[in-house]
Amino acid sequence: MNRIRIDQAKLLLNEQTRSLADIAQEVGYSDVTTFGRIFKKMEGITPGKYKNA
């Protein structure tokens, strides 16, 4: 389930028009901290760095 959420989040992060909190909520995480922790564990970088890359 986390893989599906993170893959969808990566697509949304590439748009670069929405905040991390909005993206986290849209893909099913209740808070941005949990989203960030799981994203980093699975991708090796934070969602913020991924968004800015």
PDB file of N, CA and C in Angstrom:
ATOM      1  N   MET A   1       0.823  -1.186   0.000  1.00  0.00           N
ATOM      2  CA  MET A   1       0.000   0.000   0.000  1.00  0.00           C
ATOM      3  C   MET A   1       0.876   1.262   0.000  1.00  0.00           C
ATOM      4  N   ASN A   2       1.933   1.258   0.809  1.00  0.00           N
ATOM      5  CA  ASN A   2       2.815   2.425   0.845  1.00  0.00           C
ATOM      6  C   ASN A   2       3.470   2.676  -0.510  1.00  0.00           C
ATOM      7  N   ARG A   3       3.827   1.612  -1.222  1.00  0.00           N
ATOM      8  CA  ARG A   3       4.467   1.785  -2.541  1.00  0.00           C
ATOM      9  C   ARG A   3       3.525   2.518  -3.493  1.00  0.00           C
ATOM     10  N   ILE A   4       2.258   2.154  -3.506  1.00  0.00           N
ATOM     11  CA  ILE A   4       1.280   2.819  -4.374  1.00  0.00           C
ATOM     12  C   ILE A   4       1.156   4.288  -3.995  1.00  0.00           C
ATOM     13  N   ARG A   5       1.073   4.555  -2.704  1.00  0.00           N
ATOM     14  CA  ARG A   5       0.949   5.945  -2.234  1.00  0.00           C
ATOM     15  C   ARG A   5       2.177   6.775  -2.612  1.00  0.00           C
ATOM     16  N   ILE A   6       3.353   6.213  -2.414  1.00  0.00           N
ATOM     17  CA  ILE A   6       4.588   6.949  -2.712  1.00  0.00           C
ATOM     18  C   ILE A   6       4.734   7.165  -4.215  1.00  0.00           C
ATOM     19  N   ASP A   7       4.392   6.184  -5.012  1.00  0.00           N
ATOM     20  CA  ASP A   7       4.456   6.359  -6.468  1.00  0.00           C
ATOM     21  C   ASP A   7       3.518   7.474  -6.927  1.00  0.00           C
ATOM     22  N   GLN A   8       2.317   7.510  -6.365  1.00  0.00           N
ATOM     23  CA  GLN A   8       1.379   8.582  -6.710  1.00  0.00           C
ATOM     24  C   GLN A   8       1.911   9.927  -6.230  1.00  0.00           C
ATOM     25  N   ALA A   9       2.496   9.957  -5.047  1.00  0.00           N
ATOM     26  CA  ALA A   9       3.063  11.198  -4.512  1.00  0.00           C
ATOM     27  C   ALA A   9       4.180  11.713  -5.404  1.00  0.00           C
ATOM     28  N   LYS A  10       4.997  10.815  -5.942  1.00  0.00           N
ATOM     29  CA  LYS A  10       6.083  11.229  -6.834  1.00  0.00           C
ATOM     30  C   LYS A  10       5.527  11.917  -8.080  1.00  0.00           C
ATOM     31  N   LEU A  11       4.445  11.410  -8.617  1.00  0.00           N
ATOM     32  CA  LEU A  11       3.817  12.059  -9.769  1.00  0.00           C
ATOM     33  C   LEU A  11       3.336  13.464  -9.401  1.00  0.00           C
ATOM     34  N   LEU A  12       2.711  13.583  -8.240  1.00  0.00           N
ATOM     35  CA  LEU A  12       2.211  14.882  -7.799  1.00  0.00           C
ATOM     36  C   LEU A  12       3.358  15.843  -7.478  1.00  0.00           C
ATOM     37  N   LEU A  13       4.437  15.327  -6.922  1.00  0.00           N
ATOM     38  CA  LEU A  13       5.595  16.170  -6.606  1.00  0.00           C
ATOM     39  C   LEU A  13       6.237  16.728  -7.870  1.00  0.00           C
ATOM     40  N   ASN A  14       6.179  15.988  -8.954  1.00  0.00           N
ATOM     41  CA  ASN A  14       6.742  16.459 -10.215  1.00  0.00           C
ATOM     42  C   ASN A  14       5.981  17.649 -10.781  1.00  0.00           C
ATOM     43  N   GLU A  15       4.711  17.804 -10.417  1.00  0.00           N
ATOM     44  CA  GLU A  15       3.922  18.950 -10.867  1.00  0.00           C
ATOM     45  C   GLU A  15       4.402  20.246 -10.224  1.00  0.00           C
ATOM     46  N   GLN A  16       4.934  20.154  -9.005  1.00  0.00           N
ATOM     47  CA  GLN A  16       5.515  21.273  -8.252  1.00  0.00           C
ATOM     48  C   GLN A  16       4.571  22.454  -8.052  1.00  0.00           C
ATOM     49  N   THR A  17       3.287  22.200  -7.967  1.00  0.00           N
ATOM     50  CA  THR A  17       2.344  23.294  -7.734  1.00  0.00           C
ATOM     51  C   THR A  17       1.630  23.174  -6.395  1.00  0.00           C
ATOM     52  N   ARG A  18       1.855  22.086  -5.693  1.00  0.00           N
ATOM     53  CA  ARG A  18       1.141  21.840  -4.446  1.00  0.00           C
ATOM     54  C   ARG A  18       2.112  21.673  -3.290  1.00  0.00           C
ATOM     55  N   SER A  19       1.611  21.938  -2.101  1.00  0.00           N
ATOM     56  CA  SER A  19       2.450  21.797  -0.913  1.00  0.00           C
ATOM     57  C   SER A  19       2.600  20.319  -0.549  1.00  0.00           C
ATOM     58  N   LEU A  20       3.631  20.043   0.226  1.00  0.00           N
ATOM     59  CA  LEU A  20       3.859  18.663   0.684  1.00  0.00           C
ATOM     60  C   LEU A  20       2.691  18.179   1.531  1.00  0.00           C
ATOM     61  N   ALA A  21       2.127  19.061   2.347  1.00  0.00           N
ATOM     62  CA  ALA A  21       0.993  18.680   3.192  1.00  0.00           C
ATOM     63  C   ALA A  21      -0.212  18.295   2.345  1.00  0.00           C
ATOM     64  N   ASP A  22      -0.477  19.041   1.278  1.00  0.00           N
ATOM     65  CA  ASP A  22      -1.590  18.720   0.381  1.00  0.00           C
ATOM     66  C   ASP A  22      -1.378  17.370  -0.291  1.00  0.00           C
ATOM     67  N   ILE A  23      -0.162  17.135  -0.754  1.00  0.00           N
ATOM     68  CA  ILE A  23       0.152  15.877  -1.430  1.00  0.00           C
ATOM     69  C   ILE A  23       0.042  14.710  -0.457  1.00  0.00           C
ATOM     70  N   ALA A  24       0.582  14.876   0.742  1.00  0.00           N
ATOM     71  CA  ALA A  24       0.511  13.811   1.748  1.00  0.00           C
ATOM     72  C   ALA A  24      -0.941  13.438   2.025  1.00  0.00           C
ATOM     73  N   GLN A  25      -1.772  14.437   2.180  1.00  0.00           N
ATOM     74  CA  GLN A  25      -3.183  14.182   2.466  1.00  0.00           C
ATOM     75  C   GLN A  25      -3.882  13.522   1.283  1.00  0.00           C
ATOM     76  N   GLU A  26      -3.574  13.961   0.076  1.00  0.00           N
ATOM     77  CA  GLU A  26      -4.219  13.390  -1.106  1.00  0.00           C
ATOM     78  C   GLU A  26      -3.894  11.921  -1.308  1.00  0.00           C
ATOM     79  N   VAL A  27      -2.669  11.526  -1.000  1.00  0.00           N
ATOM     80  CA  VAL A  27      -2.293  10.118  -1.198  1.00  0.00           C
ATOM     81  C   VAL A  27      -2.598   9.237   0.008  1.00  0.00           C
ATOM     82  N   GLY A  28      -3.168   9.823   1.067  1.00  0.00           N
ATOM     83  CA  GLY A  28      -3.676   8.996   2.156  1.00  0.00           C
ATOM     84  C   GLY A  28      -2.954   9.066   3.484  1.00  0.00           C
ATOM     85  N   TYR A  29      -2.024   9.998   3.645  1.00  0.00           N
ATOM     86  CA  TYR A  29      -1.337  10.140   4.930  1.00  0.00           C
ATOM     87  C   TYR A  29      -1.973  11.280   5.708  1.00  0.00           C
ATOM     88  N   SER A  30      -2.234  11.043   6.985  1.00  0.00           N
ATOM     89  CA  SER A  30      -2.919  12.049   7.795  1.00  0.00           C
ATOM     90  C   SER A  30      -2.013  13.201   8.209  1.00  0.00           C
ATOM     91  N   ASP A  31      -0.713  12.972   8.214  1.00  0.00           N
ATOM     92  CA  ASP A  31       0.192  14.077   8.529  1.00  0.00           C
ATOM     93  C   ASP A  31       1.458  14.007   7.687  1.00  0.00           C
ATOM     94  N   VAL A  32       2.048  15.167   7.475  1.00  0.00           N
ATOM     95  CA  VAL A  32       3.197  15.288   6.592  1.00  0.00           C
ATOM     96  C   VAL A  32       4.446  14.625   7.180  1.00  0.00           C
ATOM     97  N   THR A  33       4.543  14.526   8.488  1.00  0.00           N
ATOM     98  CA  THR A  33       5.693  13.894   9.128  1.00  0.00           C
ATOM     99  C   THR A  33       5.764  12.404   8.782  1.00  0.00           C
ATOM    100  N   THR A  34       4.638  11.729   8.885  1.00  0.00           N
ATOM    101  CA  THR A  34       4.578  10.310   8.531  1.00  0.00           C
ATOM    102  C   THR A  34       4.888  10.113   7.059  1.00  0.00           C
ATOM    103  N   PHE A  35       4.302  10.941   6.226  1.00  0.00           N
ATOM    104  CA  PHE A  35       4.555  10.894   4.787  1.00  0.00           C
ATOM    105  C   PHE A  35       6.051  11.053   4.509  1.00  0.00           C
ATOM    106  N   GLY A  36       6.683  12.040   5.121  1.00  0.00           N
ATOM    107  CA  GLY A  36       8.104  12.291   4.916  1.00  0.00           C
ATOM    108  C   GLY A  36       8.978  11.133   5.354  1.00  0.00           C
ATOM    109  N   ARG A  37       8.643  10.553   6.485  1.00  0.00           N
ATOM    110  CA  ARG A  37       9.419   9.429   7.015  1.00  0.00           C
ATOM    111  C   ARG A  37       9.334   8.221   6.084  1.00  0.00           C
ATOM    112  N   ILE A  38       8.145   7.896   5.640  1.00  0.00           N
ATOM    113  CA  ILE A  38       7.963   6.732   4.765  1.00  0.00           C
ATOM    114  C   ILE A  38       8.568   7.000   3.386  1.00  0.00           C
ATOM    115  N   PHE A  39       8.391   8.217   2.873  1.00  0.00           N
ATOM    116  CA  PHE A  39       8.965   8.569   1.572  1.00  0.00           C
ATOM    117  C   PHE A  39      10.480   8.412   1.605  1.00  0.00           C
ATOM    118  N   LYS A  40      11.110   8.941   2.648  1.00  0.00           N
ATOM    119  CA  LYS A  40      12.569   8.851   2.757  1.00  0.00           C
ATOM    120  C   LYS A  40      13.029   7.404   2.892  1.00  0.00           C
ATOM    121  N   LYS A  41      12.298   6.606   3.652  1.00  0.00           N
ATOM    122  CA  LYS A  41      12.654   5.196   3.831  1.00  0.00           C
ATOM    123  C   LYS A  41      12.601   4.453   2.496  1.00  0.00           C
ATOM    124  N   MET A  42      11.619   4.776   1.669  1.00  0.00           N
ATOM    125  CA  MET A  42      11.430   4.045   0.416  1.00  0.00           C
ATOM    126  C   MET A  42      12.251   4.610  -0.741  1.00  0.00           C
ATOM    127  N   GLU A  43      12.488   5.915  -0.752  1.00  0.00           N
ATOM    128  CA  GLU A  43      13.160   6.550  -1.888  1.00  0.00           C
ATOM    129  C   GLU A  43      14.590   7.001  -1.591  1.00  0.00           C
ATOM    130  N   GLY A  44      14.951   7.090  -0.313  1.00  0.00           N
ATOM    131  CA  GLY A  44      16.312   7.473   0.050  1.00  0.00           C
ATOM    132  C   GLY A  44      16.538   8.972   0.152  1.00  0.00           C
ATOM    133  N   ILE A  45      15.528   9.768  -0.196  1.00  0.00           N
ATOM    134  CA  ILE A  45      15.600  11.229  -0.044  1.00  0.00           C
ATOM    135  C   ILE A  45      14.261  11.724   0.470  1.00  0.00           C
ATOM    136  N   THR A  46      14.270  12.939   0.978  1.00  0.00           N
ATOM    137  CA  THR A  46      13.024  13.507   1.497  1.00  0.00           C
ATOM    138  C   THR A  46      12.137  13.955   0.343  1.00  0.00           C
ATOM    139  N   PRO A  47      10.829  14.076   0.599  1.00  0.00           N
ATOM    140  CA  PRO A  47       9.940  14.554  -0.457  1.00  0.00           C
ATOM    141  C   PRO A  47      10.294  15.969  -0.927  1.00  0.00           C
ATOM    142  N   GLY A  48      10.755  16.802  -0.015  1.00  0.00           N
ATOM    143  CA  GLY A  48      11.149  18.156  -0.390  1.00  0.00           C
ATOM    144  C   GLY A  48      12.322  18.175  -1.356  1.00  0.00           C
ATOM    145  N   LYS A  49      13.320  17.336  -1.101  1.00  0.00           N
ATOM    146  CA  LYS A  49      14.469  17.257  -2.013  1.00  0.00           C
ATOM    147  C   LYS A  49      14.054  16.656  -3.340  1.00  0.00           C
ATOM    148  N   TYR A  50      13.158  15.676  -3.309  1.00  0.00           N
ATOM    149  CA  TYR A  50      12.666  15.078  -4.551  1.00  0.00           C
ATOM    150  C   TYR A  50      11.928  16.133  -5.378  1.00  0.00           C
ATOM    151  N   LYS A  51      11.127  16.939  -4.711  1.00  0.00           N
ATOM    152  CA  LYS A  51      10.351  17.976  -5.396  1.00  0.00           C
ATOM    153  C   LYS A  51      11.262  19.001  -6.057  1.00  0.00           C
ATOM    154  N   ASN A  52      12.356  19.335  -5.407  1.00  0.00           N
ATOM    155  CA  ASN A  52      13.271  20.358  -5.904  1.00  0.00           C
ATOM    156  C   ASN A  52      14.312  19.830  -6.894  1.00  0.00           C
ATOM    157  N   ALA A  53      14.377  18.521  -7.037  1.00  0.00           N
ATOM    158  CA  ALA A  53      15.388  17.918  -7.935  1.00  0.00           C
ATOM    159  C   ALA A  53      15.030  18.090  -9.397  1.00  0.00           C
TER     160      ALA A  53
END
